Every structure is written in structure tokens, then in C-alpha cells.
Amino acid sequence: MRILFAFFVLLFPLHALAGLKVVATVPDLAAIAKEVGGDKVTVSVMALPTQDPHFVDARPNLALDLSRADMLVLVGLDLEIGWLPTLLTGARNPKVQVGGTGYVDASQFATLLEVPTQKIDRAMGDIHPGGNPHYLLDPKNAVRVATGLGDRMAALDPANAAAYKANAAAFATAVDKARAGWESSLGKLRGKDILTYHKSMVYLATWLGFSVPATIEPKPGIPPAPAHVVSVLQTVQQRSIKTILQEEYYPATTAELVASKTGAKLVRLAGGADFAKGQTYKARMDALVKAIAEAS
């Protein structure tokens, strides 16, 4: 038995078996967590970049991933409210339950926009009471999240604390350097008007200095009715809007109609990093910036 164990250790060193098991709810968070954790963590993601993160199927395999996790990283701000609580209940893992040592709501690290100051109700659409949850489209928030994850990983795994903090610092350096190039590539958008499908480009607009005077959805999460589409068409024509931004997971029919009627260019964007193929946050933003720049 001892010989067998020694042979096993030679094949699979103990340091390779150690480390944190991290589950992230969306691809961008998974990409950041992997860069911060490096070879000290294994990371899985619950939502695909082709899925609207508001609506993810609560599949049993996701609950199984959570049951084995040391750390759960979520967007928060009720983005995952429709599906994550059910999975957490099924996982029965105290480490990743609300208040657990491994439960990490990444919104706590971000500078948030559109935090309601008035009482909200369902008539206003899918309004998030804590603020707009699409904060990772501002690279400054991505850096803040990476720093926060580095600190939390260090607390959970003190033996590798230095590595996590060094990786977070390297992430911040790389993204800050890239941000200057992104801002240069999209500098011509500053002061311009752009149409979006959902209110998901608020952080991007604030960062880059463009305006979103209308959305194809009349209210967040509410499909557009004909009367609203007419209003959108008028806005696009009156304000000479040349670009429409929309994530690929939203239906394209109305946006394509608006584009065809007005001559605006429709840009369909990936819903997050292609984590399954190893795409990093920086590479995801490179692709996003390139797609918008080519259409603007």
C-alpha cells in the first residue's frame, strides 16, 4: 500500500492536487478568477457567453460543481436571482452559501452606476435595486474585482497568498496598459450617440464618453412593441445615430429592422469571454473594442 501511494505521489504531486476550486457565474468573472488564481486554482463557469446571464438553466451538474467548490464568485446585484439560489440550495455546501467564507459577491469591489434612489417596482421593468450589474464592461472595475479576488483567495489559501496578490497586480498592470489603447481606438465615440438593445452598455458609455439616448427595449427586460420601435426609429434618425450595440444572446430581429430602416450599423457583441477556449478578459475586451471600432 505504501509503495502504491508513493507511486501515486510521483505521478500526481501533492501540490498539483491542492488549490482552490472556484465557480464563477459568468465568463468574464471566470476569466478574471483564472488569471488571478493561476495554477493554484481550478475554475469553472456556470453561464455560457451565448446565454443571457439573467436566465440560466439550473442544471444538476451546476449544483454538483457548487457542492465541490471552495469559492463562488457572482456578479451580484440580483443578476443571478432567477436561478442561482435554487442551485445553492441543491449544492448543500456551507462554504459557498450567502455569508460563507467562499461566497464572493464581486459587486462589492466595483464602482456602481444607476443605483436607484427611488422605490422600484416591476412596472419599471427588470431594474436591479443595487445598481446596474454590467460593471465589468468598465476595465477599471475589472481591475478592482481582480484585486478583491486576489485578497479573498489569499484569505482562503494563505500558503499561496503571495502568488494570488502578484497575479492580481499583474492583471491590473496589463489591463491598465491596454486601456489606453482601447480609449484611443474608440476615441471618436466620445460625445456621440449610440443605440443599444438592453441597458447593459452604461459602464462602457460612461468610460468612453458616449451617450445612449434610447434602447430597443422600452424598459429593461421588456420586449419592444411596435409603437416603441417607431419611437426608436425616430430617435435614430433625428440624432443621426450610426451604431447599434447588442449582445449576441438577445434576439436580433428588431435591431436588424432598425438598422435596415436607418442605415445604422448593427454590432453584435459576445456576451463575455470565451472561457472554454481560454480567452482572457483582456482578449475579450480587445475583440469588443475592435468590433465597435470597425463599425463606428
C-alpha atoms as a PDB file:
ATOM      1  CA  MET A   1       0.000   0.000   0.000  1.00  0.00           C
ATOM      2  CA  ARG A   2       2.819   2.435   0.882  1.00  0.00           C
ATOM      3  CA  ILE A   3       4.566   1.650  -2.406  1.00  0.00           C
ATOM      4  CA  LEU A   4       1.330   2.290  -4.299  1.00  0.00           C
ATOM      5  CA  PHE A   5       0.838   5.607  -2.509  1.00  0.00           C
ATOM      6  CA  ALA A   6       4.419   6.676  -3.241  1.00  0.00           C
ATOM      7  CA  PHE A   7       3.929   5.807  -6.909  1.00  0.00           C
ATOM      8  CA  PHE A   8       0.719   7.852  -6.960  1.00  0.00           C
ATOM      9  CA  VAL A   9       2.508  10.852  -5.436  1.00  0.00           C
ATOM     10  CA  LEU A  10       5.222  10.632  -8.065  1.00  0.00           C
ATOM     11  CA  LEU A  11       2.634  10.704 -10.829  1.00  0.00           C
ATOM     12  CA  PHE A  12       0.428  13.338  -9.206  1.00  0.00           C
ATOM     13  CA  PRO A  13       2.452  15.584  -6.871  1.00  0.00           C
ATOM     14  CA  LEU A  14       0.615  16.869  -3.836  1.00  0.00           C
ATOM     15  CA  HIS A  15       0.957  20.492  -4.929  1.00  0.00           C
ATOM     16  CA  ALA A  16      -0.888  19.603  -8.149  1.00  0.00           C
ATOM     17  CA  LEU A  17      -3.755  18.210  -6.138  1.00  0.00           C
ATOM     18  CA  ALA A  18      -4.003  21.207  -3.842  1.00  0.00           C
ATOM     19  CA  GLY A  19      -5.529  24.608  -4.582  1.00  0.00           C
ATOM     20  CA  LEU A  20      -8.906  26.223  -4.652  1.00  0.00           C
ATOM     21  CA  LYS A  21     -11.909  25.080  -6.641  1.00  0.00           C
ATOM     22  CA  VAL A  22     -13.616  28.229  -7.919  1.00  0.00           C
ATOM     23  CA  VAL A  23     -17.007  28.504  -9.600  1.00  0.00           C
ATOM     24  CA  ALA A  24     -17.912  31.755 -11.359  1.00  0.00           C
ATOM     25  CA  THR A  25     -21.396  32.589 -12.549  1.00  0.00           C
ATOM     26  CA  VAL A  26     -20.393  34.379 -15.791  1.00  0.00           C
ATOM     27  CA  PRO A  27     -17.499  34.014 -18.251  1.00  0.00           C
ATOM     28  CA  ASP A  28     -15.841  37.377 -17.554  1.00  0.00           C
ATOM     29  CA  LEU A  29     -15.638  36.628 -13.834  1.00  0.00           C
ATOM     30  CA  ALA A  30     -14.286  33.150 -14.606  1.00  0.00           C
ATOM     31  CA  ALA A  31     -11.593  34.652 -16.835  1.00  0.00           C
ATOM     32  CA  ILE A  32     -10.544  37.125 -14.148  1.00  0.00           C
ATOM     33  CA  ALA A  33     -10.581  34.466 -11.428  1.00  0.00           C
ATOM     34  CA  LYS A  34      -8.389  32.180 -13.531  1.00  0.00           C
ATOM     35  CA  GLU A  35      -5.835  34.918 -14.174  1.00  0.00           C
ATOM     36  CA  VAL A  36      -5.700  35.806 -10.500  1.00  0.00           C
ATOM     37  CA  GLY A  37      -5.596  32.199  -9.320  1.00  0.00           C
ATOM     38  CA  GLY A  38      -3.186  30.938 -11.962  1.00  0.00           C
ATOM     39  CA  ASP A  39      -2.066  27.341 -11.480  1.00  0.00           C
ATOM     40  CA  LYS A  40      -3.196  27.399  -7.847  1.00  0.00           C
ATOM     41  CA  VAL A  41      -6.903  27.178  -8.754  1.00  0.00           C
ATOM     42  CA  THR A  42      -9.320  25.310 -10.956  1.00  0.00           C
ATOM     43  CA  VAL A  43     -12.129  27.473 -12.328  1.00  0.00           C
ATOM     44  CA  SER A  44     -15.466  26.525 -13.876  1.00  0.00           C
ATOM     45  CA  VAL A  45     -18.189  28.795 -15.202  1.00  0.00           C
ATOM     46  CA  MET A  46     -21.956  28.435 -14.952  1.00  0.00           C
ATOM     47  CA  ALA A  47     -23.228  30.640 -17.809  1.00  0.00           C
ATOM     48  CA  LEU A  48     -22.013  30.458 -21.392  1.00  0.00           C
ATOM     49  CA  PRO A  49     -21.133  33.643 -23.319  1.00  0.00           C
ATOM     50  CA  THR A  50     -24.085  32.801 -25.582  1.00  0.00           C
ATOM     51  CA  GLN A  51     -26.532  32.836 -22.642  1.00  0.00           C
ATOM     52  CA  ASP A  52     -28.290  35.808 -21.118  1.00  0.00           C
ATOM     53  CA  PRO A  53     -26.941  35.654 -17.543  1.00  0.00           C
ATOM     54  CA  HIS A  54     -30.339  36.709 -16.220  1.00  0.00           C
ATOM     55  CA  PHE A  55     -31.716  33.376 -17.435  1.00  0.00           C
ATOM     56  CA  VAL A  56     -29.531  30.298 -16.963  1.00  0.00           C
ATOM     57  CA  ASP A  57     -30.923  26.776 -16.744  1.00  0.00           C
ATOM     58  CA  ALA A  58     -30.429  25.462 -13.205  1.00  0.00           C
ATOM     59  CA  ARG A  59     -28.970  22.149 -14.390  1.00  0.00           C
ATOM     60  CA  PRO A  60     -27.992  19.469 -11.851  1.00  0.00           C
ATOM     61  CA  ASN A  61     -24.347  19.498 -12.966  1.00  0.00           C
ATOM     62  CA  LEU A  62     -24.100  23.150 -11.891  1.00  0.00           C
ATOM     63  CA  ALA A  63     -25.301  22.245  -8.400  1.00  0.00           C
ATOM     64  CA  LEU A  64     -22.695  19.465  -8.369  1.00  0.00           C
ATOM     65  CA  ASP A  65     -19.952  21.978  -9.250  1.00  0.00           C
ATOM     66  CA  LEU A  66     -21.101  24.197  -6.386  1.00  0.00           C
ATOM     67  CA  SER A  67     -21.149  21.275  -3.969  1.00  0.00           C
ATOM     68  CA  ARG A  68     -17.412  20.781  -4.553  1.00  0.00           C
ATOM     69  CA  ALA A  69     -16.416  24.456  -4.663  1.00  0.00           C
ATOM     70  CA  ASP A  70     -14.263  26.336  -2.213  1.00  0.00           C
ATOM     71  CA  MET A  71     -15.271  29.675  -3.690  1.00  0.00           C
ATOM     72  CA  LEU A  72     -18.251  31.049  -5.615  1.00  0.00           C
ATOM     73  CA  VAL A  73     -17.833  34.334  -7.486  1.00  0.00           C
ATOM     74  CA  LEU A  74     -21.034  36.011  -8.644  1.00  0.00           C
ATOM     75  CA  VAL A  75     -21.899  39.293 -10.325  1.00  0.00           C
ATOM     76  CA  GLY A  76     -24.466  40.076  -7.655  1.00  0.00           C
ATOM     77  CA  LEU A  77     -26.978  42.945  -7.774  1.00  0.00           C
ATOM     78  CA  ASP A  78     -29.669  40.293  -8.356  1.00  0.00           C
ATOM     79  CA  LEU A  79     -28.340  39.430 -11.825  1.00  0.00           C
ATOM     80  CA  GLU A  80     -28.439  35.721 -10.970  1.00  0.00           C
ATOM     81  CA  ILE A  81     -31.504  35.900  -8.707  1.00  0.00           C
ATOM     82  CA  GLY A  82     -33.667  33.810 -11.050  1.00  0.00           C
ATOM     83  CA  TRP A  83     -31.504  30.698 -10.967  1.00  0.00           C
ATOM     84  CA  LEU A  84     -28.573  30.756  -8.535  1.00  0.00           C
ATOM     85  CA  PRO A  85     -30.487  30.395  -5.212  1.00  0.00           C
ATOM     86  CA  THR A  86     -32.016  27.101  -6.372  1.00  0.00           C
ATOM     87  CA  LEU A  87     -28.580  25.739  -7.236  1.00  0.00           C
ATOM     88  CA  LEU A  88     -27.107  26.867  -3.933  1.00  0.00           C
ATOM     89  CA  THR A  89     -29.866  25.072  -2.065  1.00  0.00           C
ATOM     90  CA  GLY A  90     -29.186  21.907  -4.032  1.00  0.00           C
ATOM     91  CA  ALA A  91     -25.426  22.152  -3.521  1.00  0.00           C
ATOM     92  CA  ARG A  92     -25.635  21.959   0.299  1.00  0.00           C
ATOM     93  CA  ASN A  93     -22.147  23.410   0.571  1.00  0.00           C
ATOM     94  CA  PRO A  94     -21.863  25.843   3.503  1.00  0.00           C
ATOM     95  CA  LYS A  95     -18.656  27.384   2.126  1.00  0.00           C
ATOM     96  CA  VAL A  96     -20.439  28.970  -0.850  1.00  0.00           C
ATOM     97  CA  GLN A  97     -23.770  29.862   0.754  1.00  0.00           C
ATOM     98  CA  VAL A  98     -24.560  33.524   1.406  1.00  0.00           C
ATOM     99  CA  GLY A  99     -22.336  34.562   4.288  1.00  0.00           C
ATOM    100  CA  GLY A 100     -20.000  31.602   3.813  1.00  0.00           C
ATOM    101  CA  THR A 101     -16.235  32.027   3.644  1.00  0.00           C
ATOM    102  CA  GLY A 102     -16.195  31.232  -0.066  1.00  0.00           C
ATOM    103  CA  TYR A 103     -19.201  33.299  -1.139  1.00  0.00           C
ATOM    104  CA  VAL A 104     -17.906  36.327  -3.079  1.00  0.00           C
ATOM    105  CA  ASP A 105     -20.282  38.927  -4.491  1.00  0.00           C
ATOM    106  CA  ALA A 106     -17.940  40.756  -6.862  1.00  0.00           C
ATOM    107  CA  SER A 107     -20.157  43.852  -6.989  1.00  0.00           C
ATOM    108  CA  GLN A 108     -18.744  44.843  -3.587  1.00  0.00           C
ATOM    109  CA  PHE A 109     -15.458  45.672  -5.326  1.00  0.00           C
ATOM    110  CA  ALA A 110     -16.919  47.712  -8.205  1.00  0.00           C
ATOM    111  CA  THR A 111     -17.870  51.355  -8.538  1.00  0.00           C
ATOM    112  CA  LEU A 112     -21.553  51.079  -9.420  1.00  0.00           C
ATOM    113  CA  LEU A 113     -23.820  53.141 -11.661  1.00  0.00           C
ATOM    114  CA  GLU A 114     -27.605  53.529 -11.858  1.00  0.00           C
ATOM    115  CA  VAL A 115     -28.218  52.725  -8.214  1.00  0.00           C
ATOM    116  CA  PRO A 116     -31.915  53.526  -7.741  1.00  0.00           C
ATOM    117  CA  THR A 117     -32.719  56.292  -5.298  1.00  0.00           C
ATOM    118  CA  GLN A 118     -36.467  55.834  -5.534  1.00  0.00           C
ATOM    119  CA  LYS A 119     -38.749  52.929  -4.684  1.00  0.00           C
ATOM    120  CA  ILE A 120     -38.791  50.436  -7.540  1.00  0.00           C
ATOM    121  CA  ASP A 121     -41.464  48.013  -8.719  1.00  0.00           C
ATOM    122  CA  ARG A 122     -41.985  45.541 -11.553  1.00  0.00           C
ATOM    123  CA  ALA A 123     -43.739  48.166 -13.684  1.00  0.00           C
ATOM    124  CA  MET A 124     -40.310  49.717 -14.205  1.00  0.00           C
ATOM    125  CA  GLY A 125     -39.013  46.541 -15.838  1.00  0.00           C
ATOM    126  CA  ASP A 126     -36.051  44.481 -14.674  1.00  0.00           C
ATOM    127  CA  ILE A 127     -34.486  47.175 -12.513  1.00  0.00           C
ATOM    128  CA  HIS A 128     -31.711  45.990 -10.214  1.00  0.00           C
ATOM    129  CA  PRO A 129     -32.128  47.509  -6.747  1.00  0.00           C
ATOM    130  CA  GLY A 130     -28.394  47.589  -6.027  1.00  0.00           C
ATOM    131  CA  GLY A 131     -27.344  49.174  -9.316  1.00  0.00           C
ATOM    132  CA  ASN A 132     -26.600  48.216 -12.909  1.00  0.00           C
ATOM    133  CA  PRO A 133     -24.869  44.791 -12.879  1.00  0.00           C
ATOM    134  CA  HIS A 134     -22.896  45.118 -16.131  1.00  0.00           C
ATOM    135  CA  TYR A 135     -19.944  46.738 -14.376  1.00  0.00           C
ATOM    136  CA  LEU A 136     -17.236  44.548 -15.922  1.00  0.00           C
ATOM    137  CA  LEU A 137     -17.521  46.493 -19.199  1.00  0.00           C
ATOM    138  CA  ASP A 138     -15.502  49.177 -17.436  1.00  0.00           C
ATOM    139  CA  PRO A 139     -11.928  47.839 -17.226  1.00  0.00           C
ATOM    140  CA  LYS A 140     -11.310  49.883 -14.096  1.00  0.00           C
ATOM    141  CA  ASN A 141     -13.955  47.782 -12.376  1.00  0.00           C
ATOM    142  CA  ALA A 142     -12.342  44.602 -13.718  1.00  0.00           C
ATOM    143  CA  VAL A 143      -9.097  45.653 -12.019  1.00  0.00           C
ATOM    144  CA  ARG A 144     -10.944  46.336  -8.768  1.00  0.00           C
ATOM    145  CA  VAL A 145     -12.587  42.918  -8.954  1.00  0.00           C
ATOM    146  CA  ALA A 146      -9.266  41.183  -9.654  1.00  0.00           C
ATOM    147  CA  THR A 147      -7.721  42.873  -6.624  1.00  0.00           C
ATOM    148  CA  GLY A 148     -10.662  41.831  -4.455  1.00  0.00           C
ATOM    149  CA  LEU A 149     -10.490  38.237  -5.673  1.00  0.00           C
ATOM    150  CA  GLY A 150      -6.776  38.137  -5.003  1.00  0.00           C
ATOM    151  CA  ASP A 151      -7.380  39.204  -1.416  1.00  0.00           C
ATOM    152  CA  ARG A 152     -10.155  36.649  -0.928  1.00  0.00           C
ATOM    153  CA  MET A 153      -8.161  33.804  -2.463  1.00  0.00           C
ATOM    154  CA  ALA A 154      -5.245  34.732  -0.205  1.00  0.00           C
ATOM    155  CA  ALA A 155      -7.516  34.537   2.830  1.00  0.00           C
ATOM    156  CA  LEU A 156      -8.852  31.124   1.806  1.00  0.00           C
ATOM    157  CA  ASP A 157      -5.461  29.724   0.822  1.00  0.00           C
ATOM    158  CA  PRO A 158      -2.764  31.546   2.846  1.00  0.00           C
ATOM    159  CA  ALA A 159       0.009  29.240   1.596  1.00  0.00           C
ATOM    160  CA  ASN A 160      -0.385  30.737  -1.885  1.00  0.00           C
ATOM    161  CA  ALA A 161      -1.308  34.280  -0.845  1.00  0.00           C
ATOM    162  CA  ALA A 162       1.754  35.875  -2.430  1.00  0.00           C
ATOM    163  CA  ALA A 163       1.013  34.250  -5.795  1.00  0.00           C
ATOM    164  CA  TYR A 164      -2.608  35.433  -5.816  1.00  0.00           C
ATOM    165  CA  LYS A 165      -1.665  39.002  -4.975  1.00  0.00           C
ATOM    166  CA  ALA A 166       1.139  39.053  -7.528  1.00  0.00           C
ATOM    167  CA  ASN A 167      -1.208  37.714 -10.216  1.00  0.00           C
ATOM    168  CA  ALA A 168      -3.826  40.340  -9.359  1.00  0.00           C
ATOM    169  CA  ALA A 169      -1.198  43.070  -9.598  1.00  0.00           C
ATOM    170  CA  ALA A 170      -0.028  41.728 -12.975  1.00  0.00           C
ATOM    171  CA  PHE A 171      -3.623  41.683 -14.208  1.00  0.00           C
ATOM    172  CA  ALA A 172      -4.054  45.312 -13.139  1.00  0.00           C
ATOM    173  CA  THR A 173      -0.856  46.364 -14.910  1.00  0.00           C
ATOM    174  CA  ALA A 174      -1.815  44.610 -18.154  1.00  0.00           C
ATOM    175  CA  VAL A 175      -5.384  45.943 -18.214  1.00  0.00           C
ATOM    176  CA  ASP A 176      -4.362  49.496 -17.299  1.00  0.00           C
ATOM    177  CA  LYS A 177      -1.814  49.458 -20.118  1.00  0.00           C
ATOM    178  CA  ALA A 178      -4.353  48.078 -22.595  1.00  0.00           C
ATOM    179  CA  ARG A 179      -6.990  50.600 -21.516  1.00  0.00           C
ATOM    180  CA  ALA A 180      -5.041  53.473 -23.040  1.00  0.00           C
ATOM    181  CA  GLY A 181      -5.083  51.685 -26.398  1.00  0.00           C
ATOM    182  CA  TRP A 182      -8.780  50.902 -26.124  1.00  0.00           C
ATOM    183  CA  GLU A 183      -9.568  54.525 -25.368  1.00  0.00           C
ATOM    184  CA  SER A 184      -7.508  55.642 -28.352  1.00  0.00           C
ATOM    185  CA  SER A 185      -9.240  53.162 -30.688  1.00  0.00           C
ATOM    186  CA  LEU A 186     -12.692  54.315 -29.594  1.00  0.00           C
ATOM    187  CA  GLY A 187     -11.910  57.983 -29.015  1.00  0.00           C
ATOM    188  CA  LYS A 188     -14.113  59.002 -31.930  1.00  0.00           C
ATOM    189  CA  LEU A 189     -17.155  57.793 -29.989  1.00  0.00           C
ATOM    190  CA  ARG A 190     -16.743  60.489 -27.340  1.00  0.00           C
ATOM    191  CA  GLY A 191     -19.728  62.824 -27.458  1.00  0.00           C
ATOM    192  CA  LYS A 192     -21.599  60.595 -29.948  1.00  0.00           C
ATOM    193  CA  ASP A 193     -24.975  58.891 -29.539  1.00  0.00           C
ATOM    194  CA  ILE A 194     -25.269  55.099 -29.765  1.00  0.00           C
ATOM    195  CA  LEU A 195     -28.320  52.836 -29.634  1.00  0.00           C
ATOM    196  CA  THR A 196     -28.275  49.668 -27.524  1.00  0.00           C
ATOM    197  CA  TYR A 197     -30.728  46.823 -27.061  1.00  0.00           C
ATOM    198  CA  HIS A 198     -30.573  46.481 -23.266  1.00  0.00           C
ATOM    199  CA  LYS A 199     -29.255  48.875 -20.612  1.00  0.00           C
ATOM    200  CA  SER A 200     -26.054  46.881 -20.488  1.00  0.00           C
ATOM    201  CA  MET A 201     -23.662  49.423 -22.017  1.00  0.00           C
ATOM    202  CA  VAL A 202     -23.930  52.066 -19.297  1.00  0.00           C
ATOM    203  CA  TYR A 203     -20.443  51.418 -17.903  1.00  0.00           C
ATOM    204  CA  LEU A 204     -18.940  51.265 -21.382  1.00  0.00           C
ATOM    205  CA  ALA A 205     -20.640  54.551 -22.276  1.00  0.00           C
ATOM    206  CA  THR A 206     -19.518  56.273 -19.087  1.00  0.00           C
ATOM    207  CA  TRP A 207     -15.946  55.084 -19.549  1.00  0.00           C
ATOM    208  CA  LEU A 208     -15.723  56.076 -23.225  1.00  0.00           C
ATOM    209  CA  GLY A 209     -17.874  59.201 -23.091  1.00  0.00           C
ATOM    210  CA  PHE A 210     -20.683  58.325 -25.487  1.00  0.00           C
ATOM    211  CA  SER A 211     -24.420  58.639 -24.829  1.00  0.00           C
ATOM    212  CA  VAL A 212     -27.253  56.116 -25.074  1.00  0.00           C
ATOM    213  CA  PRO A 213     -30.386  58.224 -25.685  1.00  0.00           C
ATOM    214  CA  ALA A 214     -32.630  55.199 -26.269  1.00  0.00           C
ATOM    215  CA  THR A 215     -32.715  51.418 -26.011  1.00  0.00           C
ATOM    216  CA  ILE A 216     -34.580  48.953 -28.194  1.00  0.00           C
ATOM    217  CA  GLU A 217     -36.162  47.525 -25.059  1.00  0.00           C
ATOM    218  CA  PRO A 218     -38.663  50.121 -23.754  1.00  0.00           C
ATOM    219  CA  LYS A 219     -37.759  49.036 -20.214  1.00  0.00           C
ATOM    220  CA  PRO A 220     -35.109  46.541 -19.078  1.00  0.00           C
ATOM    221  CA  GLY A 221     -36.267  43.022 -19.832  1.00  0.00           C
ATOM    222  CA  ILE A 222     -39.424  44.142 -21.691  1.00  0.00           C
ATOM    223  CA  PRO A 223     -39.613  43.209 -25.407  1.00  0.00           C
ATOM    224  CA  PRO A 224     -40.236  46.139 -27.775  1.00  0.00           C
ATOM    225  CA  ALA A 225     -43.780  46.764 -29.005  1.00  0.00           C
ATOM    226  CA  PRO A 226     -44.420  48.325 -32.455  1.00  0.00           C
ATOM    227  CA  ALA A 227     -45.122  51.798 -31.030  1.00  0.00           C
ATOM    228  CA  HIS A 228     -41.798  51.795 -29.213  1.00  0.00           C
ATOM    229  CA  VAL A 229     -39.957  50.645 -32.333  1.00  0.00           C
ATOM    230  CA  VAL A 230     -41.395  53.631 -34.191  1.00  0.00           C
ATOM    231  CA  SER A 231     -40.121  55.904 -31.434  1.00  0.00           C
ATOM    232  CA  VAL A 232     -36.663  54.308 -31.626  1.00  0.00           C
ATOM    233  CA  LEU A 233     -36.566  54.783 -35.390  1.00  0.00           C
ATOM    234  CA  GLN A 234     -37.375  58.456 -34.957  1.00  0.00           C
ATOM    235  CA  THR A 235     -34.645  58.851 -32.325  1.00  0.00           C
ATOM    236  CA  VAL A 236     -32.036  57.175 -34.505  1.00  0.00           C
ATOM    237  CA  GLN A 237     -32.912  59.394 -37.472  1.00  0.00           C
ATOM    238  CA  GLN A 238     -33.203  62.643 -35.514  1.00  0.00           C
ATOM    239  CA  ARG A 239     -29.919  62.130 -33.657  1.00  0.00           C
ATOM    240  CA  SER A 240     -28.065  60.632 -36.631  1.00  0.00           C
ATOM    241  CA  ILE A 241     -27.124  57.510 -34.686  1.00  0.00           C
ATOM    242  CA  LYS A 242     -24.721  55.389 -36.697  1.00  0.00           C
ATOM    243  CA  THR A 243     -24.090  52.438 -34.382  1.00  0.00           C
ATOM    244  CA  ILE A 244     -26.284  49.871 -32.608  1.00  0.00           C
ATOM    245  CA  LEU A 245     -24.674  47.677 -29.947  1.00  0.00           C
ATOM    246  CA  GLN A 246     -26.281  44.433 -28.859  1.00  0.00           C
ATOM    247  CA  GLU A 247     -25.093  41.260 -27.146  1.00  0.00           C
ATOM    248  CA  GLU A 248     -25.419  38.137 -29.269  1.00  0.00           C
ATOM    249  CA  TYR A 249     -27.766  36.429 -26.833  1.00  0.00           C
ATOM    250  CA  TYR A 250     -30.546  38.996 -27.381  1.00  0.00           C
ATOM    251  CA  PRO A 251     -32.937  38.498 -30.338  1.00  0.00           C
ATOM    252  CA  ALA A 252     -31.663  40.416 -33.352  1.00  0.00           C
ATOM    253  CA  THR A 253     -34.862  40.896 -35.363  1.00  0.00           C
ATOM    254  CA  THR A 254     -35.789  44.373 -34.120  1.00  0.00           C
ATOM    255  CA  ALA A 255     -32.219  45.660 -34.166  1.00  0.00           C
ATOM    256  CA  GLU A 256     -31.821  44.420 -37.731  1.00  0.00           C
ATOM    257  CA  LEU A 257     -35.043  46.203 -38.677  1.00  0.00           C
ATOM    258  CA  VAL A 258     -33.846  49.473 -37.154  1.00  0.00           C
ATOM    259  CA  ALA A 259     -30.501  49.112 -38.914  1.00  0.00           C
ATOM    260  CA  SER A 260     -32.118  48.442 -42.278  1.00  0.00           C
ATOM    261  CA  LYS A 261     -34.504  51.402 -41.955  1.00  0.00           C
ATOM    262  CA  THR A 262     -31.916  53.920 -40.784  1.00  0.00           C
ATOM    263  CA  GLY A 263     -28.571  52.811 -42.213  1.00  0.00           C
ATOM    264  CA  ALA A 264     -27.079  52.390 -38.737  1.00  0.00           C
ATOM    265  CA  LYS A 265     -24.538  49.609 -38.302  1.00  0.00           C
ATOM    266  CA  LEU A 266     -25.554  46.752 -36.009  1.00  0.00           C
ATOM    267  CA  VAL A 267     -22.678  45.338 -33.943  1.00  0.00           C
ATOM    268  CA  ARG A 268     -23.457  42.064 -32.200  1.00  0.00           C
ATOM    269  CA  LEU A 269     -21.076  41.505 -29.320  1.00  0.00           C
ATOM    270  CA  ALA A 270     -20.085  38.352 -27.486  1.00  0.00           C
ATOM    271  CA  GLY A 271     -21.739  38.080 -24.092  1.00  0.00           C
ATOM    272  CA  GLY A 272     -18.457  37.509 -22.287  1.00  0.00           C
ATOM    273  CA  ALA A 273     -15.062  35.901 -22.581  1.00  0.00           C
ATOM    274  CA  ASP A 274     -14.975  32.537 -24.345  1.00  0.00           C
ATOM    275  CA  PHE A 275     -13.679  30.928 -21.178  1.00  0.00           C
ATOM    276  CA  ALA A 276     -13.967  27.384 -22.519  1.00  0.00           C
ATOM    277  CA  LYS A 277     -11.341  28.302 -25.135  1.00  0.00           C
ATOM    278  CA  GLY A 278      -9.114  30.077 -22.635  1.00  0.00           C
ATOM    279  CA  GLN A 279      -9.943  33.639 -23.654  1.00  0.00           C
ATOM    280  CA  THR A 280      -8.726  36.161 -21.103  1.00  0.00           C
ATOM    281  CA  TYR A 281     -10.539  39.303 -20.004  1.00  0.00           C
ATOM    282  CA  LYS A 282      -8.067  41.453 -21.943  1.00  0.00           C
ATOM    283  CA  ALA A 283      -8.527  39.384 -25.109  1.00  0.00           C
ATOM    284  CA  ARG A 284     -12.311  39.642 -24.731  1.00  0.00           C
ATOM    285  CA  MET A 285     -12.054  43.423 -24.444  1.00  0.00           C
ATOM    286  CA  ASP A 286      -9.644  43.566 -27.391  1.00  0.00           C
ATOM    287  CA  ALA A 287     -12.262  41.789 -29.522  1.00  0.00           C
ATOM    288  CA  LEU A 288     -15.090  44.007 -28.259  1.00  0.00           C
ATOM    289  CA  VAL A 289     -13.152  47.206 -28.939  1.00  0.00           C
ATOM    290  CA  LYS A 290     -12.120  46.020 -32.397  1.00  0.00           C
ATOM    291  CA  ALA A 291     -15.717  45.144 -33.346  1.00  0.00           C
ATOM    292  CA  ILE A 292     -17.049  48.538 -32.224  1.00  0.00           C
ATOM    293  CA  ALA A 293     -14.173  50.474 -33.816  1.00  0.00           C
ATOM    294  CA  GLU A 294     -14.660  48.784 -37.179  1.00  0.00           C
ATOM    295  CA  ALA A 295     -18.359  49.700 -37.190  1.00  0.00           C
ATOM    296  CA  SER A 296     -18.050  53.280 -35.934  1.00  0.00           C
END
